[in-house]
Amino acid sequence: MRARRLRFDDGALLILRIEAERAGEGYVERNADLLQRAARVLEGLIRPNDLLGRAGPHEIAVLLPGTSWSPARRQAERYVRAL
């Protein structure tokens, strides 16, 4: 695993909750597959300095360094449309 140090004076953290429908068997597998597919979509949309990662069992986080509220909101809307 590679780590890099970031200076984070200003920025935003977006948390996207992605969860499969709980009906029926195979919920855990469907949810894992859904998270993987969502991550692939978001990988194609994030900017070079943004960081994408898993934040919980149903959440994906995108760290947007140097991004104020208005541009962060536009990015979040872009991600939601893509998903």
C-alpha atoms as a PDB file:
ATOM      1  CA  MET A   1       0.000   0.000   0.000  1.00  0.00           C
ATOM      2  CA  ARG A   2       1.300   3.449  -0.854  1.00  0.00           C
ATOM      3  CA  ALA A   3       0.647   6.444   1.319  1.00  0.00           C
ATOM      4  CA  ARG A   4       1.172  10.064   0.565  1.00  0.00           C
ATOM      5  CA  ARG A   5       1.124  13.066   2.789  1.00  0.00           C
ATOM      6  CA  LEU A   6      -1.331  15.816   1.958  1.00  0.00           C
ATOM      7  CA  ARG A   7      -1.536  19.356   3.178  1.00  0.00           C
ATOM      8  CA  PHE A   8      -5.206  19.806   3.927  1.00  0.00           C
ATOM      9  CA  ASP A   9      -5.884  23.463   4.725  1.00  0.00           C
ATOM     10  CA  ASP A  10      -9.116  23.623   2.783  1.00  0.00           C
ATOM     11  CA  GLY A  11     -11.242  20.952   1.251  1.00  0.00           C
ATOM     12  CA  ALA A  12     -14.259  18.733   1.430  1.00  0.00           C
ATOM     13  CA  LEU A  13     -15.046  15.140   2.239  1.00  0.00           C
ATOM     14  CA  LEU A  14     -17.935  13.504   0.421  1.00  0.00           C
ATOM     15  CA  ILE A  15     -19.483  10.320   1.776  1.00  0.00           C
ATOM     16  CA  LEU A  16     -21.652   8.395  -0.671  1.00  0.00           C
ATOM     17  CA  ARG A  17     -23.876   5.678   0.809  1.00  0.00           C
ATOM     18  CA  ILE A  18     -24.398   2.806  -1.591  1.00  0.00           C
ATOM     19  CA  GLU A  19     -26.459  -0.163  -0.497  1.00  0.00           C
ATOM     20  CA  ALA A  20     -28.123  -3.033  -2.296  1.00  0.00           C
ATOM     21  CA  GLU A  21     -31.731  -3.921  -1.595  1.00  0.00           C
ATOM     22  CA  ARG A  22     -31.937  -6.206   1.450  1.00  0.00           C
ATOM     23  CA  ALA A  23     -34.588  -8.520  -0.018  1.00  0.00           C
ATOM     24  CA  GLY A  24     -33.644 -12.140  -0.542  1.00  0.00           C
ATOM     25  CA  GLU A  25     -30.460 -14.090  -0.135  1.00  0.00           C
ATOM     26  CA  GLY A  26     -27.063 -12.906  -1.281  1.00  0.00           C
ATOM     27  CA  TYR A  27     -27.369  -9.401   0.174  1.00  0.00           C
ATOM     28  CA  VAL A  28     -23.731  -9.236   1.278  1.00  0.00           C
ATOM     29  CA  GLU A  29     -22.448 -10.358  -2.124  1.00  0.00           C
ATOM     30  CA  ARG A  30     -24.761  -7.970  -4.010  1.00  0.00           C
ATOM     31  CA  ASN A  31     -23.695  -5.094  -1.795  1.00  0.00           C
ATOM     32  CA  ALA A  32     -19.982  -5.837  -2.281  1.00  0.00           C
ATOM     33  CA  ASP A  33     -20.471  -6.042  -6.050  1.00  0.00           C
ATOM     34  CA  LEU A  34     -22.413  -2.775  -6.067  1.00  0.00           C
ATOM     35  CA  LEU A  35     -19.668  -0.999  -4.101  1.00  0.00           C
ATOM     36  CA  GLN A  36     -16.989  -2.293  -6.486  1.00  0.00           C
ATOM     37  CA  ARG A  37     -18.926  -1.149  -9.542  1.00  0.00           C
ATOM     38  CA  ALA A  38     -19.555   2.272  -7.973  1.00  0.00           C
ATOM     39  CA  ALA A  39     -15.856   2.640  -7.161  1.00  0.00           C
ATOM     40  CA  ARG A  40     -14.928   1.894 -10.792  1.00  0.00           C
ATOM     41  CA  VAL A  41     -17.357   4.558 -12.002  1.00  0.00           C
ATOM     42  CA  LEU A  42     -16.018   7.115  -9.522  1.00  0.00           C
ATOM     43  CA  GLU A  43     -12.391   6.299 -10.418  1.00  0.00           C
ATOM     44  CA  GLY A  44     -13.159   7.584 -13.903  1.00  0.00           C
ATOM     45  CA  LEU A  45     -14.573  10.851 -12.551  1.00  0.00           C
ATOM     46  CA  ILE A  46     -12.282  11.956  -9.738  1.00  0.00           C
ATOM     47  CA  ARG A  47      -9.717  14.667 -10.295  1.00  0.00           C
ATOM     48  CA  PRO A  48      -5.971  13.894 -10.081  1.00  0.00           C
ATOM     49  CA  ASN A  49      -5.555  15.175  -6.495  1.00  0.00           C
ATOM     50  CA  ASP A  50      -8.781  13.661  -5.128  1.00  0.00           C
ATOM     51  CA  LEU A  51      -8.650  10.508  -3.023  1.00  0.00           C
ATOM     52  CA  LEU A  52     -11.231   7.738  -3.264  1.00  0.00           C
ATOM     53  CA  GLY A  53     -11.678   5.063  -0.614  1.00  0.00           C
ATOM     54  CA  ARG A  54     -14.053   2.894   1.322  1.00  0.00           C
ATOM     55  CA  ALA A  55     -15.396   4.612   4.431  1.00  0.00           C
ATOM     56  CA  GLY A  56     -17.605   1.866   5.861  1.00  0.00           C
ATOM     57  CA  PRO A  57     -19.614  -1.209   4.970  1.00  0.00           C
ATOM     58  CA  HIS A  58     -21.914   0.779   2.668  1.00  0.00           C
ATOM     59  CA  GLU A  59     -19.988   4.009   2.109  1.00  0.00           C
ATOM     60  CA  ILE A  60     -17.429   5.339  -0.325  1.00  0.00           C
ATOM     61  CA  ALA A  61     -15.549   8.517   0.561  1.00  0.00           C
ATOM     62  CA  VAL A  62     -14.022  11.058  -1.776  1.00  0.00           C
ATOM     63  CA  LEU A  63     -11.591  13.564  -0.299  1.00  0.00           C
ATOM     64  CA  LEU A  64     -11.452  16.788  -2.319  1.00  0.00           C
ATOM     65  CA  PRO A  65      -8.401  18.767  -1.149  1.00  0.00           C
ATOM     66  CA  GLY A  66      -8.474  22.493  -1.827  1.00  0.00           C
ATOM     67  CA  THR A  67     -12.157  22.437  -2.736  1.00  0.00           C
ATOM     68  CA  SER A  68     -14.694  24.826  -1.251  1.00  0.00           C
ATOM     69  CA  TRP A  69     -18.377  24.097  -0.683  1.00  0.00           C
ATOM     70  CA  SER A  70     -19.759  25.143  -4.078  1.00  0.00           C
ATOM     71  CA  PRO A  71     -17.376  23.112  -6.276  1.00  0.00           C
ATOM     72  CA  ALA A  72     -17.642  20.164  -3.865  1.00  0.00           C
ATOM     73  CA  ARG A  73     -21.402  20.211  -4.220  1.00  0.00           C
ATOM     74  CA  ARG A  74     -21.096  20.227  -8.031  1.00  0.00           C
ATOM     75  CA  GLN A  75     -18.730  17.243  -7.831  1.00  0.00           C
ATOM     76  CA  ALA A  76     -21.132  15.390  -5.528  1.00  0.00           C
ATOM     77  CA  GLU A  77     -24.015  15.994  -7.938  1.00  0.00           C
ATOM     78  CA  ARG A  78     -21.837  14.753 -10.806  1.00  0.00           C
ATOM     79  CA  TYR A  79     -21.030  11.557  -8.883  1.00  0.00           C
ATOM     80  CA  VAL A  80     -24.677  10.918  -8.012  1.00  0.00           C
ATOM     81  CA  ARG A  81     -25.747  11.382 -11.654  1.00  0.00           C
ATOM     82  CA  ALA A  82     -23.057   8.953 -12.803  1.00  0.00           C
ATOM     83  CA  LEU A  83     -24.114   6.322 -10.288  1.00  0.00           C
END
